[in-house]
Amino acid sequence: MAKTILIVDDSASLRQVVSIALKGAGYDVIEANDGKDALTKLNGTKIHLIISDVNMPNMDGITLVKEIKQLANYKFTPIIMLTTEAEESKKQAGQAAGAKAWVVKPFKPDQMLMAVSKLVLP
């Protein structure tokens, strides 16, 4: 059975690029366009990994990570931040909130898939 990954980004084109890479590697993908939308998708469905942007309207990625960690079904779900933010303070905030990895855009799909494979165990 394929593992399910939730992609959260306000850029439709970026969601598409990530989705194509993940589907090509055999993952099922659910997409959300911001943090609030992502929370509506966390409805009990088993999610094996979440990939989230940091800078989004309505709810940013760091706030989303904090919200996810409050949900019993998802508090142990690994989260990768995929963002243009390379500042150490932002990375530390993401890590403190519970993010497991930080991938800076622009990224190579192989680089992202390697991070995904380390966090989504077979």
PDB file of N, CA and C in Angstrom:
ATOM      1  N   MET A   1       0.848  -1.193   0.000  1.00  0.00           N
ATOM      2  CA  MET A   1       0.000   0.000   0.000  1.00  0.00           C
ATOM      3  C   MET A   1       0.890   1.251   0.000  1.00  0.00           C
ATOM      4  N   ALA A   2       0.549   2.202  -0.853  1.00  0.00           N
ATOM      5  CA  ALA A   2       1.357   3.420  -0.982  1.00  0.00           C
ATOM      6  C   ALA A   2       1.237   4.289   0.267  1.00  0.00           C
ATOM      7  N   LYS A   3       2.329   4.957   0.593  1.00  0.00           N
ATOM      8  CA  LYS A   3       2.339   5.906   1.710  1.00  0.00           C
ATOM      9  C   LYS A   3       1.748   7.228   1.220  1.00  0.00           C
ATOM     10  N   THR A   4       1.054   7.932   2.113  1.00  0.00           N
ATOM     11  CA  THR A   4       0.388   9.180   1.743  1.00  0.00           C
ATOM     12  C   THR A   4       1.150  10.378   2.291  1.00  0.00           C
ATOM     13  N   ILE A   5       1.368  11.364   1.424  1.00  0.00           N
ATOM     14  CA  ILE A   5       2.086  12.578   1.795  1.00  0.00           C
ATOM     15  C   ILE A   5       1.195  13.785   1.518  1.00  0.00           C
ATOM     16  N   LEU A   6       1.119  14.677   2.497  1.00  0.00           N
ATOM     17  CA  LEU A   6       0.363  15.926   2.351  1.00  0.00           C
ATOM     18  C   LEU A   6       1.338  17.039   1.984  1.00  0.00           C
ATOM     19  N   ILE A   7       1.065  17.711   0.861  1.00  0.00           N
ATOM     20  CA  ILE A   7       1.873  18.856   0.419  1.00  0.00           C
ATOM     21  C   ILE A   7       1.083  20.123   0.718  1.00  0.00           C
ATOM     22  N   VAL A   8       1.720  21.073   1.430  1.00  0.00           N
ATOM     23  CA  VAL A   8       1.061  22.332   1.781  1.00  0.00           C
ATOM     24  C   VAL A   8       1.889  23.487   1.232  1.00  0.00           C
ATOM     25  N   ASP A   9       1.354  24.190   0.229  1.00  0.00           N
ATOM     26  CA  ASP A   9       2.067  25.331  -0.359  1.00  0.00           C
ATOM     27  C   ASP A   9       1.055  26.192  -1.089  1.00  0.00           C
ATOM     28  N   ASP A  10       1.202  27.515  -0.987  1.00  0.00           N
ATOM     29  CA  ASP A  10       0.266  28.402  -1.669  1.00  0.00           C
ATOM     30  C   ASP A  10       0.563  28.520  -3.165  1.00  0.00           C
ATOM     31  N   SER A  11       1.675  27.973  -3.621  1.00  0.00           N
ATOM     32  CA  SER A  11       2.025  27.986  -5.041  1.00  0.00           C
ATOM     33  C   SER A  11       1.538  26.701  -5.703  1.00  0.00           C
ATOM     34  N   ALA A  12       0.545  26.820  -6.590  1.00  0.00           N
ATOM     35  CA  ALA A  12       0.008  25.644  -7.282  1.00  0.00           C
ATOM     36  C   ALA A  12       1.086  24.974  -8.125  1.00  0.00           C
ATOM     37  N   SER A  13       1.951  25.769  -8.743  1.00  0.00           N
ATOM     38  CA  SER A  13       2.992  25.176  -9.595  1.00  0.00           C
ATOM     39  C   SER A  13       3.989  24.383  -8.754  1.00  0.00           C
ATOM     40  N   LEU A  14       4.322  24.883  -7.578  1.00  0.00           N
ATOM     41  CA  LEU A  14       5.254  24.143  -6.726  1.00  0.00           C
ATOM     42  C   LEU A  14       4.601  22.858  -6.220  1.00  0.00           C
ATOM     43  N   ARG A  15       3.336  22.938  -5.831  1.00  0.00           N
ATOM     44  CA  ARG A  15       2.626  21.714  -5.399  1.00  0.00           C
ATOM     45  C   ARG A  15       2.649  20.685  -6.527  1.00  0.00           C
ATOM     46  N   GLN A  16       2.474  21.156  -7.761  1.00  0.00           N
ATOM     47  CA  GLN A  16       2.457  20.245  -8.905  1.00  0.00           C
ATOM     48  C   GLN A  16       3.819  19.575  -9.102  1.00  0.00           C
ATOM     49  N   VAL A  17       4.900  20.351  -9.021  1.00  0.00           N
ATOM     50  CA  VAL A  17       6.251  19.797  -9.185  1.00  0.00           C
ATOM     51  C   VAL A  17       6.528  18.741  -8.113  1.00  0.00           C
ATOM     52  N   VAL A  18       6.215  19.075  -6.868  1.00  0.00           N
ATOM     53  CA  VAL A  18       6.451  18.140  -5.749  1.00  0.00           C
ATOM     54  C   VAL A  18       5.570  16.900  -5.916  1.00  0.00           C
ATOM     55  N   SER A  19       4.320  17.122  -6.278  1.00  0.00           N
ATOM     56  CA  SER A  19       3.374  16.021  -6.459  1.00  0.00           C
ATOM     57  C   SER A  19       3.844  15.053  -7.543  1.00  0.00           C
ATOM     58  N   ILE A  20       4.305  15.585  -8.675  1.00  0.00           N
ATOM     59  CA  ILE A  20       4.785  14.733  -9.772  1.00  0.00           C
ATOM     60  C   ILE A  20       5.978  13.896  -9.304  1.00  0.00           C
ATOM     61  N   ALA A  21       6.911  14.528  -8.595  1.00  0.00           N
ATOM     62  CA  ALA A  21       8.088  13.804  -8.099  1.00  0.00           C
ATOM     63  C   ALA A  21       7.677  12.693  -7.134  1.00  0.00           C
ATOM     64  N   LEU A  22       6.763  13.013  -6.212  1.00  0.00           N
ATOM     65  CA  LEU A  22       6.346  12.026  -5.214  1.00  0.00           C
ATOM     66  C   LEU A  22       5.550  10.888  -5.843  1.00  0.00           C
ATOM     67  N   LYS A  23       4.620  11.229  -6.740  1.00  0.00           N
ATOM     68  CA  LYS A  23       3.817  10.187  -7.400  1.00  0.00           C
ATOM     69  C   LYS A  23       4.718   9.289  -8.240  1.00  0.00           C
ATOM     70  N   GLY A  24       5.731   9.891  -8.876  1.00  0.00           N
ATOM     71  CA  GLY A  24       6.688   9.120  -9.662  1.00  0.00           C
ATOM     72  C   GLY A  24       7.468   8.129  -8.806  1.00  0.00           C
ATOM     73  N   ALA A  25       7.630   8.463  -7.521  1.00  0.00           N
ATOM     74  CA  ALA A  25       8.345   7.584  -6.587  1.00  0.00           C
ATOM     75  C   ALA A  25       7.387   6.610  -5.885  1.00  0.00           C
ATOM     76  N   GLY A  26       6.100   6.652  -6.267  1.00  0.00           N
ATOM     77  CA  GLY A  26       5.142   5.682  -5.738  1.00  0.00           C
ATOM     78  C   GLY A  26       4.321   6.122  -4.539  1.00  0.00           C
ATOM     79  N   TYR A  27       4.367   7.400  -4.200  1.00  0.00           N
ATOM     80  CA  TYR A  27       3.588   7.899  -3.054  1.00  0.00           C
ATOM     81  C   TYR A  27       2.221   8.399  -3.507  1.00  0.00           C
ATOM     82  N   ASP A  28       1.235   8.328  -2.606  1.00  0.00           N
ATOM     83  CA  ASP A  28      -0.053   8.996  -2.813  1.00  0.00           C
ATOM     84  C   ASP A  28       0.111  10.410  -2.286  1.00  0.00           C
ATOM     85  N   VAL A  29      -0.560  11.370  -2.915  1.00  0.00           N
ATOM     86  CA  VAL A  29      -0.382  12.773  -2.553  1.00  0.00           C
ATOM     87  C   VAL A  29      -1.728  13.441  -2.308  1.00  0.00           C
ATOM     88  N   ILE A  30      -1.781  14.225  -1.233  1.00  0.00           N
ATOM     89  CA  ILE A  30      -2.920  15.108  -0.946  1.00  0.00           C
ATOM     90  C   ILE A  30      -2.347  16.514  -0.947  1.00  0.00           C
ATOM     91  N   GLU A  31      -3.060  17.471  -1.559  1.00  0.00           N
ATOM     92  CA  GLU A  31      -2.556  18.840  -1.636  1.00  0.00           C
ATOM     93  C   GLU A  31      -3.431  19.790  -0.832  1.00  0.00           C
ATOM     94  N   ALA A  32      -2.779  20.797  -0.229  1.00  0.00           N
ATOM     95  CA  ALA A  32      -3.481  21.873   0.481  1.00  0.00           C
ATOM     96  C   ALA A  32      -2.800  23.184   0.113  1.00  0.00           C
ATOM     97  N   ASN A  33      -3.594  24.271   0.018  1.00  0.00           N
ATOM     98  CA  ASN A  33      -3.015  25.537  -0.451  1.00  0.00           C
ATOM     99  C   ASN A  33      -2.568  26.477   0.657  1.00  0.00           C
ATOM    100  N   ASP A  34      -2.813  26.135   1.927  1.00  0.00           N
ATOM    101  CA  ASP A  34      -2.280  26.898   3.060  1.00  0.00           C
ATOM    102  C   ASP A  34      -2.509  26.088   4.340  1.00  0.00           C
ATOM    103  N   GLY A  35      -2.052  26.638   5.456  1.00  0.00           N
ATOM    104  CA  GLY A  35      -2.155  25.911   6.715  1.00  0.00           C
ATOM    105  C   GLY A  35      -3.575  25.565   7.115  1.00  0.00           C
ATOM    106  N   LYS A  36      -4.493  26.511   6.950  1.00  0.00           N
ATOM    107  CA  LYS A  36      -5.892  26.247   7.328  1.00  0.00           C
ATOM    108  C   LYS A  36      -6.482  25.131   6.477  1.00  0.00           C
ATOM    109  N   ASP A  37      -6.205  25.173   5.175  1.00  0.00           N
ATOM    110  CA  ASP A  37      -6.672  24.128   4.264  1.00  0.00           C
ATOM    111  C   ASP A  37      -6.084  22.779   4.673  1.00  0.00           C
ATOM    112  N   ALA A  38      -4.795  22.780   5.041  1.00  0.00           N
ATOM    113  CA  ALA A  38      -4.128  21.539   5.455  1.00  0.00           C
ATOM    114  C   ALA A  38      -4.823  20.923   6.663  1.00  0.00           C
ATOM    115  N   LEU A  39      -5.181  21.751   7.633  1.00  0.00           N
ATOM    116  CA  LEU A  39      -5.830  21.219   8.840  1.00  0.00           C
ATOM    117  C   LEU A  39      -7.164  20.548   8.503  1.00  0.00           C
ATOM    118  N   THR A  40      -7.879  21.061   7.483  1.00  0.00           N
ATOM    119  CA  THR A  40      -9.150  20.430   7.095  1.00  0.00           C
ATOM    120  C   THR A  40      -8.910  19.062   6.456  1.00  0.00           C
ATOM    121  N   LYS A  41      -7.722  18.853   5.890  1.00  0.00           N
ATOM    122  CA  LYS A  41      -7.397  17.567   5.245  1.00  0.00           C
ATOM    123  C   LYS A  41      -6.961  16.526   6.282  1.00  0.00           C
ATOM    124  N   LEU A  42      -6.590  16.974   7.478  1.00  0.00           N
ATOM    125  CA  LEU A  42      -6.177  16.057   8.547  1.00  0.00           C
ATOM    126  C   LEU A  42      -7.427  15.596   9.285  1.00  0.00           C
ATOM    127  N   ASN A  43      -8.177  14.731   8.618  1.00  0.00           N
ATOM    128  CA  ASN A  43      -9.494  14.326   9.120  1.00  0.00           C
ATOM    129  C   ASN A  43      -9.520  12.877   9.567  1.00  0.00           C
ATOM    130  N   GLY A  44      -8.374  12.359   9.969  1.00  0.00           N
ATOM    131  CA  GLY A  44      -8.303  10.969  10.412  1.00  0.00           C
ATOM    132  C   GLY A  44      -7.634  10.069   9.388  1.00  0.00           C
ATOM    133  N   THR A  45      -7.502  10.555   8.151  1.00  0.00           N
ATOM    134  CA  THR A  45      -6.790   9.802   7.116  1.00  0.00           C
ATOM    135  C   THR A  45      -5.346   9.622   7.559  1.00  0.00           C
ATOM    136  N   LYS A  46      -4.778   8.440   7.326  1.00  0.00           N
ATOM    137  CA  LYS A  46      -3.373   8.202   7.700  1.00  0.00           C
ATOM    138  C   LYS A  46      -2.473   8.988   6.750  1.00  0.00           C
ATOM    139  N   ILE A  47      -1.710   9.909   7.312  1.00  0.00           N
ATOM    140  CA  ILE A  47      -0.733  10.702   6.554  1.00  0.00           C
ATOM    141  C   ILE A  47       0.641  10.275   7.074  1.00  0.00           C
ATOM    142  N   HIS A  48       1.532   9.872   6.178  1.00  0.00           N
ATOM    143  CA  HIS A  48       2.849   9.377   6.590  1.00  0.00           C
ATOM    144  C   HIS A  48       3.887  10.486   6.683  1.00  0.00           C
ATOM    145  N   LEU A  49       3.635  11.603   5.994  1.00  0.00           N
ATOM    146  CA  LEU A  49       4.586  12.711   5.978  1.00  0.00           C
ATOM    147  C   LEU A  49       3.859  13.964   5.508  1.00  0.00           C
ATOM    148  N   ILE A  50       4.298  15.121   6.027  1.00  0.00           N
ATOM    149  CA  ILE A  50       3.765  16.409   5.579  1.00  0.00           C
ATOM    150  C   ILE A  50       4.933  17.246   5.078  1.00  0.00           C
ATOM    151  N   ILE A  51       4.766  17.835   3.898  1.00  0.00           N
ATOM    152  CA  ILE A  51       5.757  18.759   3.349  1.00  0.00           C
ATOM    153  C   ILE A  51       5.072  20.116   3.281  1.00  0.00           C
ATOM    154  N   SER A  52       5.625  21.109   3.986  1.00  0.00           N
ATOM    155  CA  SER A  52       4.961  22.407   4.070  1.00  0.00           C
ATOM    156  C   SER A  52       5.903  23.566   3.782  1.00  0.00           C
ATOM    157  N   ASP A  53       5.355  24.571   3.088  1.00  0.00           N
ATOM    158  CA  ASP A  53       6.027  25.842   2.902  1.00  0.00           C
ATOM    159  C   ASP A  53       5.987  26.576   4.247  1.00  0.00           C
ATOM    160  N   VAL A  54       6.815  27.599   4.391  1.00  0.00           N
ATOM    161  CA  VAL A  54       6.781  28.422   5.603  1.00  0.00           C
ATOM    162  C   VAL A  54       5.885  29.638   5.386  1.00  0.00           C
ATOM    163  N   ASN A  55       6.140  30.382   4.312  1.00  0.00           N
ATOM    164  CA  ASN A  55       5.409  31.631   4.072  1.00  0.00           C
ATOM    165  C   ASN A  55       4.164  31.389   3.229  1.00  0.00           C
ATOM    166  N   MET A  56       3.004  31.421   3.895  1.00  0.00           N
ATOM    167  CA  MET A  56       1.719  31.222   3.216  1.00  0.00           C
ATOM    168  C   MET A  56       0.691  32.153   3.834  1.00  0.00           C
ATOM    169  N   PRO A  57      -0.344  32.527   3.056  1.00  0.00           N
ATOM    170  CA  PRO A  57      -1.435  33.328   3.628  1.00  0.00           C
ATOM    171  C   PRO A  57      -2.291  32.470   4.573  1.00  0.00           C
ATOM    172  N   ASN A  58      -3.110  33.106   5.371  1.00  0.00           N
ATOM    173  CA  ASN A  58      -4.073  32.476   6.294  1.00  0.00           C
ATOM    174  C   ASN A  58      -3.419  31.776   7.482  1.00  0.00           C
ATOM    175  N   MET A  59      -2.449  30.898   7.239  1.00  0.00           N
ATOM    176  CA  MET A  59      -1.709  30.262   8.338  1.00  0.00           C
ATOM    177  C   MET A  59      -0.351  29.850   7.790  1.00  0.00           C
ATOM    178  N   ASP A  60       0.709  30.370   8.413  1.00  0.00           N
ATOM    179  CA  ASP A  60       2.056  30.051   7.934  1.00  0.00           C
ATOM    180  C   ASP A  60       2.461  28.648   8.373  1.00  0.00           C
ATOM    181  N   GLY A  61       3.574  28.169   7.807  1.00  0.00           N
ATOM    182  CA  GLY A  61       4.017  26.804   8.055  1.00  0.00           C
ATOM    183  C   GLY A  61       4.421  26.502   9.484  1.00  0.00           C
ATOM    184  N   ILE A  62       5.063  27.473  10.149  1.00  0.00           N
ATOM    185  CA  ILE A  62       5.493  27.233  11.541  1.00  0.00           C
ATOM    186  C   ILE A  62       4.263  27.077  12.438  1.00  0.00           C
ATOM    187  N   THR A  63       3.265  27.943  12.241  1.00  0.00           N
ATOM    188  CA  THR A  63       2.014  27.829  13.009  1.00  0.00           C
ATOM    189  C   THR A  63       1.340  26.497  12.704  1.00  0.00           C
ATOM    190  N   LEU A  64       1.350  26.104  11.432  1.00  0.00           N
ATOM    191  CA  LEU A  64       0.752  24.825  11.039  1.00  0.00           C
ATOM    192  C   LEU A  64       1.425  23.669  11.773  1.00  0.00           C
ATOM    193  N   VAL A  65       2.753  23.666  11.826  1.00  0.00           N
ATOM    194  CA  VAL A  65       3.476  22.590  12.518  1.00  0.00           C
ATOM    195  C   VAL A  65       3.018  22.522  13.979  1.00  0.00           C
ATOM    196  N   LYS A  66       2.939  23.676  14.628  1.00  0.00           N
ATOM    197  CA  LYS A  66       2.498  23.712  16.035  1.00  0.00           C
ATOM    198  C   LYS A  66       1.086  23.145  16.185  1.00  0.00           C
ATOM    199  N   GLU A  67       0.191  23.520  15.253  1.00  0.00           N
ATOM    200  CA  GLU A  67      -1.199  23.026  15.297  1.00  0.00           C
ATOM    201  C   GLU A  67      -1.242  21.505  15.103  1.00  0.00           C
ATOM    202  N   ILE A  68      -0.456  21.007  14.138  1.00  0.00           N
ATOM    203  CA  ILE A  68      -0.436  19.566  13.852  1.00  0.00           C
ATOM    204  C   ILE A  68       0.035  18.787  15.078  1.00  0.00           C
ATOM    205  N   LYS A  69       1.042  19.308  15.767  1.00  0.00           N
ATOM    206  CA  LYS A  69       1.600  18.615  16.931  1.00  0.00           C
ATOM    207  C   LYS A  69       0.596  18.542  18.085  1.00  0.00           C
ATOM    208  N   GLN A  70      -0.489  19.316  18.007  1.00  0.00           N
ATOM    209  CA  GLN A  70      -1.546  19.263  19.031  1.00  0.00           C
ATOM    210  C   GLN A  70      -2.590  18.182  18.720  1.00  0.00           C
ATOM    211  N   LEU A  71      -2.544  17.641  17.492  1.00  0.00           N
ATOM    212  CA  LEU A  71      -3.546  16.654  17.075  1.00  0.00           C
ATOM    213  C   LEU A  71      -3.048  15.241  17.385  1.00  0.00           C
ATOM    214  N   ALA A  72      -3.810  14.503  18.190  1.00  0.00           N
ATOM    215  CA  ALA A  72      -3.384  13.171  18.628  1.00  0.00           C
ATOM    216  C   ALA A  72      -3.021  12.250  17.454  1.00  0.00           C
ATOM    217  N   ASN A  73      -3.814  12.269  16.382  1.00  0.00           N
ATOM    218  CA  ASN A  73      -3.562  11.369  15.245  1.00  0.00           C
ATOM    219  C   ASN A  73      -2.316  11.737  14.451  1.00  0.00           C
ATOM    220  N   TYR A  74      -1.844  12.971  14.594  1.00  0.00           N
ATOM    221  CA  TYR A  74      -0.764  13.450  13.729  1.00  0.00           C
ATOM    222  C   TYR A  74       0.464  13.971  14.471  1.00  0.00           C
ATOM    223  N   LYS A  75       0.447  13.896  15.804  1.00  0.00           N
ATOM    224  CA  LYS A  75       1.546  14.531  16.531  1.00  0.00           C
ATOM    225  C   LYS A  75       2.907  13.888  16.275  1.00  0.00           C
ATOM    226  N   PHE A  76       2.919  12.631  15.796  1.00  0.00           N
ATOM    227  CA  PHE A  76       4.192  11.981  15.475  1.00  0.00           C
ATOM    228  C   PHE A  76       4.458  11.925  13.967  1.00  0.00           C
ATOM    229  N   THR A  77       3.615  12.573  13.170  1.00  0.00           N
ATOM    230  CA  THR A  77       3.810  12.600  11.715  1.00  0.00           C
ATOM    231  C   THR A  77       5.006  13.495  11.398  1.00  0.00           C
ATOM    232  N   PRO A  78       6.013  12.989  10.688  1.00  0.00           N
ATOM    233  CA  PRO A  78       7.165  13.834  10.361  1.00  0.00           C
ATOM    234  C   PRO A  78       6.785  14.951   9.384  1.00  0.00           C
ATOM    235  N   ILE A  79       7.446  16.098   9.542  1.00  0.00           N
ATOM    236  CA  ILE A  79       7.156  17.270   8.711  1.00  0.00           C
ATOM    237  C   ILE A  79       8.457  17.805   8.129  1.00  0.00           C
ATOM    238  N   ILE A  80       8.446  18.031   6.817  1.00  0.00           N
ATOM    239  CA  ILE A  80       9.565  18.669   6.124  1.00  0.00           C
ATOM    240  C   ILE A  80       9.119  20.078   5.742  1.00  0.00           C
ATOM    241  N   MET A  81       9.930  21.068   6.069  1.00  0.00           N
ATOM    242  CA  MET A  81       9.662  22.435   5.631  1.00  0.00           C
ATOM    243  C   MET A  81      10.379  22.625   4.294  1.00  0.00           C
ATOM    244  N   LEU A  82       9.632  23.035   3.270  1.00  0.00           N
ATOM    245  CA  LEU A  82      10.177  23.267   1.930  1.00  0.00           C
ATOM    246  C   LEU A  82       9.962  24.746   1.649  1.00  0.00           C
ATOM    247  N   THR A  83      11.036  25.544   1.666  1.00  0.00           N
ATOM    248  CA  THR A  83      10.863  26.986   1.710  1.00  0.00           C
ATOM    249  C   THR A  83      12.031  27.745   1.096  1.00  0.00           C
ATOM    250  N   THR A  84      11.806  29.003   0.810  1.00  0.00           N
ATOM    251  CA  THR A  84      12.892  29.878   0.348  1.00  0.00           C
ATOM    252  C   THR A  84      13.691  30.399   1.535  1.00  0.00           C
ATOM    253  N   GLU A  85      13.183  30.208   2.747  1.00  0.00           N
ATOM    254  CA  GLU A  85      13.834  30.716   3.956  1.00  0.00           C
ATOM    255  C   GLU A  85      15.071  29.897   4.301  1.00  0.00           C
ATOM    256  N   ALA A  86      16.224  30.540   4.320  1.00  0.00           N
ATOM    257  CA  ALA A  86      17.453  29.836   4.686  1.00  0.00           C
ATOM    258  C   ALA A  86      18.031  30.370   5.994  1.00  0.00           C
ATOM    259  N   GLU A  87      17.335  31.346   6.606  1.00  0.00           N
ATOM    260  CA  GLU A  87      17.818  31.943   7.861  1.00  0.00           C
ATOM    261  C   GLU A  87      17.855  30.916   8.981  1.00  0.00           C
ATOM    262  N   GLU A  88      18.942  30.930   9.731  1.00  0.00           N
ATOM    263  CA  GLU A  88      19.101  29.989  10.839  1.00  0.00           C
ATOM    264  C   GLU A  88      17.982  30.151  11.869  1.00  0.00           C
ATOM    265  N   SER A  89      17.556  31.394  12.127  1.00  0.00           N
ATOM    266  CA  SER A  89      16.504  31.619  13.132  1.00  0.00           C
ATOM    267  C   SER A  89      15.188  30.977  12.698  1.00  0.00           C
ATOM    268  N   LYS A  90      14.887  31.029  11.391  1.00  0.00           N
ATOM    269  CA  LYS A  90      13.660  30.392  10.886  1.00  0.00           C
ATOM    270  C   LYS A  90      13.768  28.876  11.019  1.00  0.00           C
ATOM    271  N   LYS A  91      14.936  28.334  10.683  1.00  0.00           N
ATOM    272  CA  LYS A  91      15.147  26.888  10.799  1.00  0.00           C
ATOM    273  C   LYS A  91      14.961  26.450  12.251  1.00  0.00           C
ATOM    274  N   GLN A  92      15.519  27.229  13.176  1.00  0.00           N
ATOM    275  CA  GLN A  92      15.403  26.889  14.596  1.00  0.00           C
ATOM    276  C   GLN A  92      13.948  26.958  15.053  1.00  0.00           C
ATOM    277  N   ALA A  93      13.204  27.954  14.552  1.00  0.00           N
ATOM    278  CA  ALA A  93      11.780  28.062  14.905  1.00  0.00           C
ATOM    279  C   ALA A  93      11.022  26.852  14.379  1.00  0.00           C
ATOM    280  N   GLY A  94      11.347  26.437  13.153  1.00  0.00           N
ATOM    281  CA  GLY A  94      10.697  25.264  12.570  1.00  0.00           C
ATOM    282  C   GLY A  94      11.018  24.000  13.347  1.00  0.00           C
ATOM    283  N   GLN A  95      12.291  23.864  13.718  1.00  0.00           N
ATOM    284  CA  GLN A  95      12.723  22.691  14.482  1.00  0.00           C
ATOM    285  C   GLN A  95      12.063  22.686  15.861  1.00  0.00           C
ATOM    286  N   ALA A  96      12.011  23.858  16.484  1.00  0.00           N
ATOM    287  CA  ALA A  96      11.394  23.962  17.816  1.00  0.00           C
ATOM    288  C   ALA A  96       9.908  23.600  17.745  1.00  0.00           C
ATOM    289  N   ALA A  97       9.257  23.960  16.628  1.00  0.00           N
ATOM    290  CA  ALA A  97       7.836  23.646  16.466  1.00  0.00           C
ATOM    291  C   ALA A  97       7.619  22.156  16.222  1.00  0.00           C
ATOM    292  N   GLY A  98       8.648  21.476  15.684  1.00  0.00           N
ATOM    293  CA  GLY A  98       8.527  20.037  15.467  1.00  0.00           C
ATOM    294  C   GLY A  98       8.874  19.563  14.067  1.00  0.00           C
ATOM    295  N   ALA A  99       9.348  20.457  13.192  1.00  0.00           N
ATOM    296  CA  ALA A  99       9.736  20.032  11.840  1.00  0.00           C
ATOM    297  C   ALA A  99      10.978  19.149  11.924  1.00  0.00           C
ATOM    298  N   LYS A 100      11.030  18.109  11.090  1.00  0.00           N
ATOM    299  CA  LYS A 100      12.139  17.147  11.110  1.00  0.00           C
ATOM    300  C   LYS A 100      13.221  17.478  10.097  1.00  0.00           C
ATOM    301  N   ALA A 101      12.881  18.213   9.028  1.00  0.00           N
ATOM    302  CA  ALA A 101      13.869  18.528   7.990  1.00  0.00           C
ATOM    303  C   ALA A 101      13.523  19.870   7.362  1.00  0.00           C
ATOM    304  N   TRP A 102      14.525  20.475   6.734  1.00  0.00           N
ATOM    305  CA  TRP A 102      14.383  21.804   6.149  1.00  0.00           C
ATOM    306  C   TRP A 102      15.023  21.752   4.769  1.00  0.00           C
ATOM    307  N   VAL A 103      14.226  21.883   3.708  1.00  0.00           N
ATOM    308  CA  VAL A 103      14.735  21.855   2.335  1.00  0.00           C
ATOM    309  C   VAL A 103      14.505  23.236   1.735  1.00  0.00           C
ATOM    310  N   VAL A 104      15.574  23.838   1.227  1.00  0.00           N
ATOM    311  CA  VAL A 104      15.486  25.206   0.704  1.00  0.00           C
ATOM    312  C   VAL A 104      15.205  25.183  -0.804  1.00  0.00           C
ATOM    313  N   LYS A 105      14.221  26.019  -1.224  1.00  0.00           N
ATOM    314  CA  LYS A 105      13.919  26.186  -2.651  1.00  0.00           C
ATOM    315  C   LYS A 105      14.949  27.143  -3.244  1.00  0.00           C
ATOM    316  N   PRO A 106      15.336  27.031  -4.494  1.00  0.00           N
ATOM    317  CA  PRO A 106      14.932  25.941  -5.381  1.00  0.00           C
ATOM    318  C   PRO A 106      15.627  24.643  -4.964  1.00  0.00           C
ATOM    319  N   PHE A 107      14.958  23.542  -5.186  1.00  0.00           N
ATOM    320  CA  PHE A 107      15.482  22.246  -4.757  1.00  0.00           C
ATOM    321  C   PHE A 107      15.478  21.295  -5.945  1.00  0.00           C
ATOM    322  N   LYS A 108      16.274  20.260  -5.829  1.00  0.00           N
ATOM    323  CA  LYS A 108      16.261  19.198  -6.829  1.00  0.00           C
ATOM    324  C   LYS A 108      15.300  18.120  -6.320  1.00  0.00           C
ATOM    325  N   PRO A 109      14.409  17.623  -7.185  1.00  0.00           N
ATOM    326  CA  PRO A 109      13.481  16.583  -6.727  1.00  0.00           C
ATOM    327  C   PRO A 109      14.189  15.419  -6.036  1.00  0.00           C
ATOM    328  N   ASP A 110      15.382  15.031  -6.530  1.00  0.00           N
ATOM    329  CA  ASP A 110      16.119  13.927  -5.901  1.00  0.00           C
ATOM    330  C   ASP A 110      16.473  14.251  -4.453  1.00  0.00           C
ATOM    331  N   GLN A 111      16.846  15.511  -4.209  1.00  0.00           N
ATOM    332  CA  GLN A 111      17.204  15.955  -2.858  1.00  0.00           C
ATOM    333  C   GLN A 111      15.987  15.825  -1.941  1.00  0.00           C
ATOM    334  N   MET A 112      14.823  16.256  -2.434  1.00  0.00           N
ATOM    335  CA  MET A 112      13.607  16.172  -1.635  1.00  0.00           C
ATOM    336  C   MET A 112      13.218  14.707  -1.408  1.00  0.00           C
ATOM    337  N   LEU A 113      13.303  13.885  -2.458  1.00  0.00           N
ATOM    338  CA  LEU A 113      12.934  12.475  -2.320  1.00  0.00           C
ATOM    339  C   LEU A 113      13.846  11.746  -1.340  1.00  0.00           C
ATOM    340  N   MET A 114      15.112  12.156  -1.283  1.00  0.00           N
ATOM    341  CA  MET A 114      16.028  11.540  -0.324  1.00  0.00           C
ATOM    342  C   MET A 114      15.578  11.862   1.105  1.00  0.00           C
ATOM    343  N   ALA A 115      15.209  13.119   1.352  1.00  0.00           N
ATOM    344  CA  ALA A 115      14.716  13.519   2.667  1.00  0.00           C
ATOM    345  C   ALA A 115      13.426  12.760   2.999  1.00  0.00           C
ATOM    346  N   VAL A 116      12.544  12.629   2.005  1.00  0.00           N
ATOM    347  CA  VAL A 116      11.283  11.914   2.196  1.00  0.00           C
ATOM    348  C   VAL A 116      11.562  10.449   2.566  1.00  0.00           C
ATOM    349  N   SER A 117      12.465   9.802   1.828  1.00  0.00           N
ATOM    350  CA  SER A 117      12.721   8.376   2.075  1.00  0.00           C
ATOM    351  C   SER A 117      13.315   8.128   3.454  1.00  0.00           C
ATOM    352  N   LYS A 118      14.023   9.120   4.010  1.00  0.00           N
ATOM    353  CA  LYS A 118      14.589   8.966   5.352  1.00  0.00           C
ATOM    354  C   LYS A 118      13.507   9.066   6.428  1.00  0.00           C
ATOM    355  N   LEU A 119      12.430   9.792   6.114  1.00  0.00           N
ATOM    356  CA  LEU A 119      11.389  10.021   7.117  1.00  0.00           C
ATOM    357  C   LEU A 119      10.169   9.113   6.965  1.00  0.00           C
ATOM    358  N   VAL A 120       9.966   8.562   5.771  1.00  0.00           N
ATOM    359  CA  VAL A 120       8.835   7.654   5.543  1.00  0.00           C
ATOM    360  C   VAL A 120       9.397   6.241   5.469  1.00  0.00           C
ATOM    361  N   LEU A 121       9.253   5.531   6.547  1.00  0.00           N
ATOM    362  CA  LEU A 121       9.817   4.189   6.596  1.00  0.00           C
ATOM    363  C   LEU A 121       8.882   3.198   5.917  1.00  0.00           C
ATOM    364  N   PRO A 122       9.464   2.179   5.251  1.00  0.00           N
ATOM    365  CA  PRO A 122       8.622   1.202   4.522  1.00  0.00           C
ATOM    366  C   PRO A 122       7.708   0.416   5.444  1.00  0.00           C
TER     367      PRO A 122
END
